[in-house]
Amino acid sequence: MNSMFLLIPLSLVLLALAVAAFFWAVHSGQFDDLDSPAYRMLMDDPPPADPEEHEP
């Protein structure tokens, strides 16, 4: 029974931290564009730069 006095407040603090992290992620724009990263994986990489162009 004594452990419940520690575990219940600890779980409430962890819940509050999880909710705060979720609202921070929403506010900072983490969930604004959910489709582009999936399609970006399928796009071709840009061609490598020509090494002769960068020589002095």
N, C-alpha and C. Protein backbone atom coordinates (compact mmCIF):
# COMPACT_ATOMS: atom_id res chain seq x y z
N MET A 1 0.82 -1.19 0.00
CA MET A 1 0.00 0.00 0.00
C MET A 1 0.86 1.26 0.00
N ASN A 2 2.00 1.19 0.68
CA ASN A 2 2.87 2.37 0.73
C ASN A 2 3.46 2.70 -0.64
N SER A 3 3.66 1.67 -1.46
CA SER A 3 4.22 1.94 -2.78
C SER A 3 3.23 2.69 -3.67
N MET A 4 1.93 2.56 -3.40
CA MET A 4 0.93 3.28 -4.19
C MET A 4 1.05 4.79 -4.00
N PHE A 5 1.48 5.22 -2.81
CA PHE A 5 1.65 6.65 -2.56
C PHE A 5 2.79 7.22 -3.39
N LEU A 6 3.69 6.38 -3.84
CA LEU A 6 4.78 6.83 -4.71
C LEU A 6 4.41 6.64 -6.18
N LEU A 7 3.78 5.52 -6.51
CA LEU A 7 3.54 5.19 -7.91
C LEU A 7 2.45 6.05 -8.55
N ILE A 8 1.41 6.39 -7.83
CA ILE A 8 0.34 7.19 -8.42
C ILE A 8 0.82 8.60 -8.76
N PRO A 9 1.46 9.33 -7.86
CA PRO A 9 1.97 10.66 -8.26
C PRO A 9 3.03 10.57 -9.37
N LEU A 10 3.87 9.55 -9.33
CA LEU A 10 4.88 9.38 -10.36
C LEU A 10 4.23 9.15 -11.72
N SER A 11 3.18 8.34 -11.77
CA SER A 11 2.49 8.11 -13.04
C SER A 11 1.79 9.37 -13.53
N LEU A 12 1.25 10.17 -12.63
CA LEU A 12 0.62 11.43 -13.03
C LEU A 12 1.64 12.42 -13.58
N VAL A 13 2.83 12.45 -13.00
CA VAL A 13 3.89 13.33 -13.50
C VAL A 13 4.33 12.87 -14.89
N LEU A 14 4.49 11.57 -15.09
CA LEU A 14 4.87 11.06 -16.40
C LEU A 14 3.78 11.33 -17.44
N LEU A 15 2.54 11.22 -17.05
CA LEU A 15 1.44 11.53 -17.95
C LEU A 15 1.47 13.00 -18.35
N ALA A 16 1.69 13.87 -17.39
CA ALA A 16 1.77 15.30 -17.68
C ALA A 16 2.93 15.61 -18.62
N LEU A 17 4.06 14.95 -18.44
CA LEU A 17 5.20 15.15 -19.34
C LEU A 17 4.89 14.67 -20.75
N ALA A 18 4.22 13.54 -20.87
CA ALA A 18 3.86 13.02 -22.19
C ALA A 18 2.88 13.95 -22.90
N VAL A 19 1.90 14.48 -22.18
CA VAL A 19 0.94 15.41 -22.79
C VAL A 19 1.64 16.70 -23.18
N ALA A 20 2.55 17.19 -22.35
CA ALA A 20 3.29 18.40 -22.68
C ALA A 20 4.17 18.18 -23.91
N ALA A 21 4.81 17.02 -24.02
CA ALA A 21 5.64 16.73 -25.19
C ALA A 21 4.79 16.65 -26.45
N PHE A 22 3.60 16.07 -26.35
CA PHE A 22 2.71 16.00 -27.51
C PHE A 22 2.29 17.39 -27.97
N PHE A 23 1.88 18.24 -27.04
CA PHE A 23 1.45 19.59 -27.42
C PHE A 23 2.62 20.42 -27.94
N TRP A 24 3.82 20.20 -27.43
CA TRP A 24 5.00 20.89 -27.96
C TRP A 24 5.25 20.46 -29.40
N ALA A 25 5.11 19.15 -29.69
CA ALA A 25 5.34 18.66 -31.04
C ALA A 25 4.30 19.22 -32.00
N VAL A 26 3.06 19.31 -31.58
CA VAL A 26 2.02 19.87 -32.43
C VAL A 26 2.28 21.35 -32.67
N HIS A 27 2.65 22.06 -31.63
CA HIS A 27 2.88 23.51 -31.76
C HIS A 27 4.10 23.82 -32.62
N SER A 28 5.12 22.96 -32.59
CA SER A 28 6.34 23.24 -33.35
C SER A 28 6.25 22.77 -34.80
N GLY A 29 5.12 22.17 -35.19
CA GLY A 29 4.93 21.82 -36.60
C GLY A 29 5.39 20.44 -36.97
N GLN A 30 5.55 19.54 -36.03
CA GLN A 30 6.01 18.20 -36.35
C GLN A 30 5.00 17.41 -37.19
N PHE A 31 3.72 17.75 -37.10
CA PHE A 31 2.69 16.99 -37.78
C PHE A 31 2.06 17.78 -38.92
N ASP A 32 2.73 18.82 -39.41
CA ASP A 32 2.16 19.64 -40.47
C ASP A 32 2.08 18.91 -41.80
N ASP A 33 3.14 18.24 -42.20
CA ASP A 33 3.19 17.57 -43.50
C ASP A 33 3.54 16.11 -43.29
N LEU A 34 2.53 15.24 -43.36
CA LEU A 34 2.75 13.82 -43.12
C LEU A 34 2.95 13.03 -44.40
N ASP A 35 2.68 13.63 -45.56
CA ASP A 35 2.76 12.88 -46.82
C ASP A 35 4.10 13.02 -47.53
N SER A 36 4.71 14.19 -47.49
CA SER A 36 5.94 14.41 -48.26
C SER A 36 7.10 13.50 -47.88
N PRO A 37 7.36 13.22 -46.60
CA PRO A 37 8.49 12.34 -46.31
C PRO A 37 8.36 10.95 -46.91
N ALA A 38 7.14 10.45 -47.04
CA ALA A 38 6.96 9.13 -47.64
C ALA A 38 7.29 9.16 -49.13
N TYR A 39 6.94 10.24 -49.82
CA TYR A 39 7.24 10.34 -51.25
C TYR A 39 8.68 10.74 -51.51
N ARG A 40 9.30 11.45 -50.58
CA ARG A 40 10.70 11.87 -50.75
C ARG A 40 11.62 10.65 -50.82
N MET A 41 11.23 9.58 -50.15
CA MET A 41 12.04 8.37 -50.17
C MET A 41 12.07 7.76 -51.57
N LEU A 42 11.03 7.96 -52.36
CA LEU A 42 10.94 7.36 -53.68
C LEU A 42 11.61 8.20 -54.78
N MET A 43 11.91 9.45 -54.49
CA MET A 43 12.51 10.34 -55.49
C MET A 43 13.98 9.99 -55.70
N ASP A 44 14.45 10.24 -56.91
CA ASP A 44 15.85 9.99 -57.22
C ASP A 44 16.73 11.01 -56.52
N ASP A 45 17.94 10.57 -56.20
CA ASP A 45 18.92 11.50 -55.64
C ASP A 45 19.44 12.41 -56.73
N PRO A 46 19.85 13.62 -56.38
CA PRO A 46 20.43 14.50 -57.40
C PRO A 46 21.77 13.90 -57.87
N PRO A 47 22.14 14.16 -59.11
CA PRO A 47 23.41 13.60 -59.60
C PRO A 47 24.58 14.18 -58.82
N PRO A 48 25.64 13.40 -58.66
CA PRO A 48 26.80 13.93 -57.93
C PRO A 48 27.43 15.10 -58.67
N ALA A 49 28.03 15.98 -57.92
CA ALA A 49 28.67 17.15 -58.51
C ALA A 49 29.91 16.71 -59.28
N ASP A 50 30.19 17.41 -60.35
CA ASP A 50 31.36 17.12 -61.17
C ASP A 50 32.60 17.60 -60.42
N PRO A 51 33.56 16.73 -60.14
CA PRO A 51 34.75 17.16 -59.37
C PRO A 51 35.60 18.18 -60.13
N GLU A 52 35.52 18.22 -61.45
CA GLU A 52 36.34 19.17 -62.20
C GLU A 52 35.83 20.59 -62.05
N GLU A 53 34.55 20.77 -61.71
CA GLU A 53 34.02 22.12 -61.55
C GLU A 53 34.53 22.80 -60.28
N HIS A 54 34.92 22.02 -59.29
CA HIS A 54 35.33 22.58 -58.01
C HIS A 54 36.83 22.79 -57.87
N GLU A 55 37.59 22.46 -58.89
CA GLU A 55 39.05 22.65 -58.81
C GLU A 55 39.37 24.12 -59.04
N PRO A 56 40.35 24.65 -58.31
CA PRO A 56 40.71 26.07 -58.50
C PRO A 56 41.46 26.35 -59.77
